[in-house]
Amino acid sequence: MAQATSDVEQCVKEWVDIWNAGAYERLPDVLDESATVYDPGAPGGVLEGRDEFESHLRELRMGFPDFTIRIEKMLSGNGVVMIEWTATATHEGEFNGIPATNREIELRGMSKTVIRDGQIVEDRVYHDFHAFLEQLGLTDG
């Protein structure tokens, strides 16, 4: 049975709220225990399972305590939600072994999120990781 569009969109909004607030206690409600998250900012680019994702999000929020995703556009159908987003943050702590630069970043990206039985089973995040490093002053140009 197909899930109502509003239900899958609400799931993604809750997912974004978890990223924004670091609301780890809400992960079991939204993210399937064996979900896969593909993110160019994650070590190796792939996070397998809820626990691995939570560790990544904790490290991200330690490095960027004000990390915020703003949904610009959303399109959904058949349990798949595509969002266009803008993320902003200030690099105030270590992240992925990179010491704080105290620089602000703004990234535009997209995500394709697959939802089954009310939970996210796959999330594919697309953004220019080189632009991220460039904004932190970690590239040659």
N, C-alpha and C. Protein backbone atom coordinates (compact mmCIF):
# COMPACT_ATOMS: atom_id res chain seq x y z
N MET A 1 0.83 -1.18 0.00
CA MET A 1 0.00 0.00 0.00
C MET A 1 0.88 1.25 0.00
N ALA A 2 0.61 2.18 -0.86
CA ALA A 2 1.41 3.40 -0.99
C ALA A 2 1.15 4.32 0.20
N GLN A 3 2.23 4.94 0.65
CA GLN A 3 2.14 5.87 1.76
C GLN A 3 1.69 7.24 1.23
N ALA A 4 0.91 7.94 1.98
CA ALA A 4 0.43 9.26 1.57
C ALA A 4 1.61 10.22 1.40
N THR A 5 1.55 11.05 0.40
CA THR A 5 2.62 12.01 0.12
C THR A 5 2.93 12.84 1.35
N SER A 6 1.92 13.32 2.03
CA SER A 6 2.16 14.17 3.19
C SER A 6 2.93 13.42 4.29
N ASP A 7 2.72 12.11 4.42
CA ASP A 7 3.43 11.33 5.43
C ASP A 7 4.93 11.24 5.11
N VAL A 8 5.28 10.99 3.84
CA VAL A 8 6.69 10.88 3.50
C VAL A 8 7.37 12.25 3.57
N GLU A 9 6.67 13.29 3.17
CA GLU A 9 7.24 14.63 3.28
C GLU A 9 7.43 15.01 4.75
N GLN A 10 6.49 14.64 5.60
CA GLN A 10 6.63 14.92 7.03
C GLN A 10 7.82 14.16 7.61
N CYS A 11 8.04 12.94 7.16
CA CYS A 11 9.19 12.15 7.62
C CYS A 11 10.49 12.87 7.27
N VAL A 12 10.58 13.40 6.05
CA VAL A 12 11.78 14.11 5.64
C VAL A 12 11.95 15.41 6.43
N LYS A 13 10.86 16.11 6.70
CA LYS A 13 10.96 17.32 7.52
C LYS A 13 11.48 16.99 8.92
N GLU A 14 11.03 15.87 9.48
CA GLU A 14 11.52 15.44 10.79
C GLU A 14 13.00 15.08 10.72
N TRP A 15 13.40 14.45 9.61
CA TRP A 15 14.80 14.08 9.36
C TRP A 15 15.67 15.34 9.35
N VAL A 16 15.24 16.37 8.65
CA VAL A 16 15.97 17.63 8.59
C VAL A 16 16.01 18.27 9.99
N ASP A 17 14.92 18.19 10.72
CA ASP A 17 14.91 18.72 12.10
C ASP A 17 15.95 18.02 12.97
N ILE A 18 16.13 16.71 12.78
CA ILE A 18 17.12 15.96 13.55
C ILE A 18 18.53 16.47 13.22
N TRP A 19 18.82 16.68 11.92
CA TRP A 19 20.11 17.24 11.51
C TRP A 19 20.30 18.61 12.17
N ASN A 20 19.26 19.44 12.14
CA ASN A 20 19.38 20.81 12.63
C ASN A 20 19.51 20.91 14.14
N ALA A 21 18.83 20.06 14.85
CA ALA A 21 18.79 20.16 16.32
C ALA A 21 19.73 19.17 17.00
N GLY A 22 20.25 18.19 16.24
CA GLY A 22 21.03 17.14 16.89
C GLY A 22 20.15 16.33 17.82
N ALA A 23 18.91 16.11 17.42
CA ALA A 23 17.93 15.39 18.25
C ALA A 23 18.10 13.88 18.08
N TYR A 24 19.19 13.36 18.62
CA TYR A 24 19.56 11.95 18.43
C TYR A 24 18.50 10.99 18.96
N GLU A 25 17.81 11.40 20.02
CA GLU A 25 16.78 10.53 20.62
C GLU A 25 15.62 10.28 19.66
N ARG A 26 15.47 11.12 18.63
CA ARG A 26 14.37 10.96 17.67
C ARG A 26 14.75 10.07 16.48
N LEU A 27 16.02 9.72 16.37
CA LEU A 27 16.46 8.90 15.23
C LEU A 27 15.69 7.59 15.07
N PRO A 28 15.42 6.84 16.15
CA PRO A 28 14.69 5.58 15.97
C PRO A 28 13.29 5.76 15.37
N ASP A 29 12.70 6.94 15.53
CA ASP A 29 11.38 7.20 14.97
C ASP A 29 11.42 7.46 13.47
N VAL A 30 12.58 7.89 12.96
CA VAL A 30 12.67 8.37 11.58
C VAL A 30 13.59 7.53 10.71
N LEU A 31 14.70 7.07 11.26
CA LEU A 31 15.72 6.37 10.48
C LEU A 31 15.72 4.88 10.79
N ASP A 32 15.52 4.06 9.75
CA ASP A 32 15.56 2.61 9.90
C ASP A 32 16.91 2.18 10.46
N GLU A 33 16.92 1.17 11.30
CA GLU A 33 18.14 0.72 11.97
C GLU A 33 19.24 0.35 10.97
N SER A 34 18.85 -0.18 9.80
CA SER A 34 19.86 -0.60 8.82
C SER A 34 19.93 0.33 7.61
N ALA A 35 19.50 1.57 7.78
CA ALA A 35 19.51 2.55 6.68
C ALA A 35 20.93 2.82 6.18
N THR A 36 21.01 3.23 4.92
CA THR A 36 22.27 3.63 4.33
C THR A 36 22.17 5.10 3.96
N VAL A 37 23.16 5.88 4.40
CA VAL A 37 23.22 7.30 4.09
C VAL A 37 24.50 7.54 3.28
N TYR A 38 24.32 8.08 2.08
CA TYR A 38 25.44 8.43 1.21
C TYR A 38 25.64 9.93 1.33
N ASP A 39 26.84 10.35 1.79
CA ASP A 39 27.11 11.76 2.02
C ASP A 39 28.58 12.02 1.73
N PRO A 40 28.89 12.92 0.78
CA PRO A 40 30.28 13.19 0.46
C PRO A 40 31.08 13.72 1.66
N GLY A 41 30.41 14.24 2.67
CA GLY A 41 31.09 14.74 3.85
C GLY A 41 31.38 13.68 4.90
N ALA A 42 30.87 12.48 4.70
CA ALA A 42 31.09 11.39 5.66
C ALA A 42 32.38 10.65 5.31
N PRO A 43 33.05 10.09 6.31
CA PRO A 43 34.26 9.30 6.02
C PRO A 43 33.92 8.16 5.06
N GLY A 44 34.59 8.11 3.93
CA GLY A 44 34.32 7.08 2.94
C GLY A 44 33.07 7.34 2.12
N GLY A 45 32.31 8.38 2.48
CA GLY A 45 31.12 8.75 1.72
C GLY A 45 29.87 7.94 1.98
N VAL A 46 29.96 6.90 2.83
CA VAL A 46 28.80 6.02 3.08
C VAL A 46 28.72 5.72 4.58
N LEU A 47 27.50 5.84 5.11
CA LEU A 47 27.23 5.49 6.52
C LEU A 47 26.24 4.34 6.52
N GLU A 48 26.62 3.24 7.14
CA GLU A 48 25.77 2.05 7.20
C GLU A 48 25.13 1.93 8.57
N GLY A 49 23.83 2.06 8.63
CA GLY A 49 23.11 1.86 9.88
C GLY A 49 22.93 3.13 10.70
N ARG A 50 21.94 3.05 11.57
CA ARG A 50 21.58 4.20 12.40
C ARG A 50 22.72 4.64 13.31
N ASP A 51 23.43 3.68 13.93
CA ASP A 51 24.49 4.03 14.87
C ASP A 51 25.63 4.77 14.19
N GLU A 52 26.01 4.30 12.99
CA GLU A 52 27.09 4.96 12.25
C GLU A 52 26.67 6.38 11.85
N PHE A 53 25.40 6.52 11.43
CA PHE A 53 24.92 7.85 11.09
C PHE A 53 24.94 8.76 12.32
N GLU A 54 24.48 8.25 13.45
CA GLU A 54 24.45 9.08 14.66
C GLU A 54 25.85 9.55 15.03
N SER A 55 26.84 8.68 14.93
CA SER A 55 28.23 9.08 15.23
C SER A 55 28.68 10.20 14.30
N HIS A 56 28.34 10.07 13.02
CA HIS A 56 28.70 11.11 12.05
C HIS A 56 28.02 12.44 12.38
N LEU A 57 26.73 12.38 12.68
CA LEU A 57 26.00 13.61 13.00
C LEU A 57 26.55 14.26 14.26
N ARG A 58 26.89 13.45 15.26
CA ARG A 58 27.48 14.01 16.49
C ARG A 58 28.79 14.73 16.17
N GLU A 59 29.64 14.13 15.34
CA GLU A 59 30.91 14.77 14.97
C GLU A 59 30.65 16.05 14.17
N LEU A 60 29.70 15.98 13.24
CA LEU A 60 29.36 17.16 12.44
C LEU A 60 28.92 18.32 13.34
N ARG A 61 28.03 18.02 14.29
CA ARG A 61 27.49 19.07 15.15
C ARG A 61 28.53 19.56 16.16
N MET A 62 29.55 18.74 16.48
CA MET A 62 30.63 19.23 17.35
C MET A 62 31.51 20.20 16.56
N GLY A 63 31.73 19.91 15.28
CA GLY A 63 32.54 20.79 14.45
C GLY A 63 31.79 22.04 14.00
N PHE A 64 30.48 21.88 13.81
CA PHE A 64 29.62 22.96 13.32
C PHE A 64 28.36 23.04 14.20
N PRO A 65 28.47 23.60 15.40
CA PRO A 65 27.34 23.59 16.35
C PRO A 65 26.08 24.28 15.84
N ASP A 66 26.25 25.24 14.93
CA ASP A 66 25.09 25.97 14.41
C ASP A 66 24.63 25.43 13.05
N PHE A 67 25.04 24.22 12.70
CA PHE A 67 24.69 23.62 11.41
C PHE A 67 23.17 23.64 11.21
N THR A 68 22.74 24.19 10.07
CA THR A 68 21.31 24.32 9.78
C THR A 68 21.05 24.03 8.31
N ILE A 69 20.05 23.20 8.06
CA ILE A 69 19.59 22.91 6.70
C ILE A 69 18.25 23.61 6.51
N ARG A 70 18.13 24.32 5.41
CA ARG A 70 16.87 24.95 5.04
C ARG A 70 16.38 24.30 3.76
N ILE A 71 15.18 23.74 3.80
CA ILE A 71 14.59 23.12 2.61
C ILE A 71 14.11 24.23 1.69
N GLU A 72 14.58 24.20 0.45
CA GLU A 72 14.18 25.19 -0.55
C GLU A 72 12.99 24.68 -1.37
N LYS A 73 13.09 23.43 -1.83
CA LYS A 73 12.02 22.82 -2.62
C LYS A 73 11.94 21.35 -2.28
N MET A 74 10.72 20.79 -2.40
CA MET A 74 10.50 19.38 -2.10
C MET A 74 9.55 18.79 -3.13
N LEU A 75 9.87 17.58 -3.58
CA LEU A 75 9.03 16.85 -4.52
C LEU A 75 8.99 15.41 -4.06
N SER A 76 7.79 14.80 -4.03
CA SER A 76 7.71 13.43 -3.54
C SER A 76 6.73 12.61 -4.37
N GLY A 77 6.96 11.31 -4.35
CA GLY A 77 6.07 10.35 -4.99
C GLY A 77 6.60 8.95 -4.79
N ASN A 78 5.70 8.00 -4.56
CA ASN A 78 6.04 6.58 -4.42
C ASN A 78 7.12 6.31 -3.37
N GLY A 79 7.06 7.01 -2.24
CA GLY A 79 8.00 6.76 -1.15
C GLY A 79 9.37 7.38 -1.35
N VAL A 80 9.52 8.22 -2.37
CA VAL A 80 10.80 8.89 -2.62
C VAL A 80 10.57 10.39 -2.51
N VAL A 81 11.45 11.07 -1.78
CA VAL A 81 11.36 12.52 -1.62
C VAL A 81 12.68 13.13 -2.10
N MET A 82 12.56 14.10 -2.99
CA MET A 82 13.72 14.86 -3.46
C MET A 82 13.61 16.25 -2.83
N ILE A 83 14.71 16.70 -2.22
CA ILE A 83 14.71 18.06 -1.70
C ILE A 83 15.93 18.81 -2.22
N GLU A 84 15.71 20.08 -2.46
CA GLU A 84 16.79 21.01 -2.74
C GLU A 84 16.95 21.80 -1.45
N TRP A 85 18.19 21.94 -0.98
CA TRP A 85 18.41 22.56 0.31
C TRP A 85 19.62 23.49 0.30
N THR A 86 19.68 24.31 1.33
CA THR A 86 20.84 25.14 1.61
C THR A 86 21.25 24.87 3.05
N ALA A 87 22.54 24.61 3.24
CA ALA A 87 23.07 24.38 4.59
C ALA A 87 24.02 25.52 4.94
N THR A 88 23.92 26.00 6.16
CA THR A 88 24.82 27.02 6.66
C THR A 88 25.41 26.55 8.00
N ALA A 89 26.62 27.01 8.29
CA ALA A 89 27.26 26.61 9.54
C ALA A 89 28.54 27.41 9.74
N THR A 90 29.02 27.39 10.98
CA THR A 90 30.30 27.99 11.32
C THR A 90 31.19 26.88 11.87
N HIS A 91 32.41 26.77 11.34
CA HIS A 91 33.34 25.70 11.73
C HIS A 91 34.05 26.08 13.03
N GLU A 92 33.44 25.69 14.16
CA GLU A 92 33.93 26.09 15.48
C GLU A 92 34.66 24.99 16.23
N GLY A 93 34.68 23.78 15.68
CA GLY A 93 35.35 22.66 16.35
C GLY A 93 35.90 21.70 15.32
N GLU A 94 36.64 20.70 15.79
CA GLU A 94 37.23 19.73 14.87
C GLU A 94 36.14 18.91 14.17
N PHE A 95 36.37 18.67 12.88
CA PHE A 95 35.47 17.83 12.08
C PHE A 95 36.31 17.05 11.09
N ASN A 96 36.14 15.73 11.09
CA ASN A 96 36.90 14.85 10.18
C ASN A 96 38.40 15.11 10.29
N GLY A 97 38.88 15.39 11.49
CA GLY A 97 40.30 15.64 11.70
C GLY A 97 40.76 17.04 11.32
N ILE A 98 39.83 17.90 10.91
CA ILE A 98 40.16 19.26 10.51
C ILE A 98 39.91 20.19 11.70
N PRO A 99 40.96 20.85 12.21
CA PRO A 99 40.74 21.77 13.33
C PRO A 99 39.87 22.95 12.93
N ALA A 100 39.22 23.55 13.89
CA ALA A 100 38.32 24.68 13.65
C ALA A 100 39.00 25.78 12.85
N THR A 101 38.29 26.29 11.87
CA THR A 101 38.78 27.43 11.07
C THR A 101 38.02 28.71 11.42
N ASN A 102 36.90 28.55 12.14
CA ASN A 102 36.00 29.66 12.49
C ASN A 102 35.43 30.36 11.26
N ARG A 103 35.43 29.67 10.15
CA ARG A 103 34.84 30.21 8.91
C ARG A 103 33.40 29.76 8.78
N GLU A 104 32.61 30.61 8.13
CA GLU A 104 31.22 30.27 7.85
C GLU A 104 31.14 29.61 6.47
N ILE A 105 30.23 28.65 6.36
CA ILE A 105 30.01 28.01 5.07
C ILE A 105 28.54 28.14 4.68
N GLU A 106 28.31 28.09 3.38
CA GLU A 106 26.95 27.98 2.85
C GLU A 106 27.03 27.06 1.65
N LEU A 107 26.32 25.95 1.73
CA LEU A 107 26.32 24.94 0.66
C LEU A 107 24.91 24.75 0.15
N ARG A 108 24.82 24.60 -1.16
CA ARG A 108 23.54 24.21 -1.77
C ARG A 108 23.70 22.77 -2.20
N GLY A 109 22.62 22.01 -2.03
CA GLY A 109 22.68 20.61 -2.41
C GLY A 109 21.30 20.04 -2.62
N MET A 110 21.29 18.74 -2.89
CA MET A 110 20.04 18.01 -3.07
C MET A 110 20.15 16.69 -2.34
N SER A 111 19.01 16.14 -1.99
CA SER A 111 18.96 14.82 -1.37
C SER A 111 17.81 14.02 -1.97
N LYS A 112 18.08 12.73 -2.11
CA LYS A 112 17.05 11.77 -2.54
C LYS A 112 16.87 10.82 -1.37
N THR A 113 15.67 10.82 -0.80
CA THR A 113 15.40 10.04 0.40
C THR A 113 14.32 9.01 0.09
N VAL A 114 14.62 7.75 0.44
CA VAL A 114 13.68 6.64 0.22
C VAL A 114 13.08 6.24 1.56
N ILE A 115 11.74 6.19 1.59
CA ILE A 115 11.02 5.89 2.84
C ILE A 115 10.17 4.65 2.64
N ARG A 116 10.29 3.72 3.59
CA ARG A 116 9.47 2.52 3.60
C ARG A 116 8.92 2.31 5.01
N ASP A 117 7.65 2.01 5.10
CA ASP A 117 7.00 1.76 6.40
C ASP A 117 7.25 2.89 7.39
N GLY A 118 7.22 4.13 6.88
CA GLY A 118 7.33 5.29 7.75
C GLY A 118 8.72 5.66 8.21
N GLN A 119 9.76 4.95 7.69
CA GLN A 119 11.12 5.26 8.10
C GLN A 119 12.02 5.40 6.88
N ILE A 120 13.06 6.19 7.04
CA ILE A 120 14.04 6.36 5.98
C ILE A 120 14.91 5.11 5.91
N VAL A 121 15.01 4.54 4.71
CA VAL A 121 15.86 3.37 4.50
C VAL A 121 17.10 3.73 3.69
N GLU A 122 17.04 4.86 2.96
CA GLU A 122 18.19 5.32 2.20
C GLU A 122 18.11 6.82 2.02
N ASP A 123 19.25 7.46 2.16
CA ASP A 123 19.34 8.91 1.92
C ASP A 123 20.61 9.15 1.11
N ARG A 124 20.46 9.80 -0.03
CA ARG A 124 21.61 10.14 -0.89
C ARG A 124 21.73 11.65 -0.92
N VAL A 125 22.84 12.15 -0.39
CA VAL A 125 23.09 13.58 -0.28
C VAL A 125 24.07 13.97 -1.39
N TYR A 126 23.71 15.02 -2.12
CA TYR A 126 24.55 15.51 -3.21
C TYR A 126 24.93 16.97 -2.94
N HIS A 127 26.23 17.23 -2.84
CA HIS A 127 26.73 18.60 -2.74
C HIS A 127 28.18 18.59 -3.17
N ASP A 128 28.70 19.77 -3.45
CA ASP A 128 30.07 19.92 -3.91
C ASP A 128 31.01 19.97 -2.70
N PHE A 129 31.62 18.83 -2.39
CA PHE A 129 32.49 18.75 -1.22
C PHE A 129 33.73 19.64 -1.40
N HIS A 130 34.19 19.81 -2.62
CA HIS A 130 35.33 20.69 -2.87
C HIS A 130 34.97 22.14 -2.48
N ALA A 131 33.74 22.56 -2.80
CA ALA A 131 33.28 23.91 -2.42
C ALA A 131 33.26 24.05 -0.90
N PHE A 132 32.88 22.99 -0.21
CA PHE A 132 32.89 22.97 1.26
C PHE A 132 34.31 23.22 1.77
N LEU A 133 35.28 22.46 1.24
CA LEU A 133 36.67 22.61 1.66
C LEU A 133 37.21 23.99 1.29
N GLU A 134 36.82 24.48 0.13
CA GLU A 134 37.24 25.80 -0.32
C GLU A 134 36.75 26.89 0.63
N GLN A 135 35.49 26.80 1.05
CA GLN A 135 34.93 27.79 1.97
C GLN A 135 35.63 27.76 3.33
N LEU A 136 36.17 26.61 3.68
CA LEU A 136 36.91 26.50 4.95
C LEU A 136 38.36 26.97 4.80
N GLY A 137 38.74 27.32 3.56
CA GLY A 137 40.11 27.78 3.31
C GLY A 137 41.12 26.65 3.24
N LEU A 138 40.66 25.45 2.86
CA LEU A 138 41.52 24.27 2.88
C LEU A 138 41.96 23.81 1.49
N THR A 139 41.77 24.65 0.50
CA THR A 139 42.21 24.32 -0.86
C THR A 139 43.15 25.40 -1.37
N ASP A 140 43.78 25.13 -2.48
CA ASP A 140 44.69 26.10 -3.08
C ASP A 140 43.98 27.10 -3.98
N GLY A 141 42.65 26.99 -4.07
CA GLY A 141 41.94 27.96 -4.90
C GLY A 141 40.79 27.37 -5.52
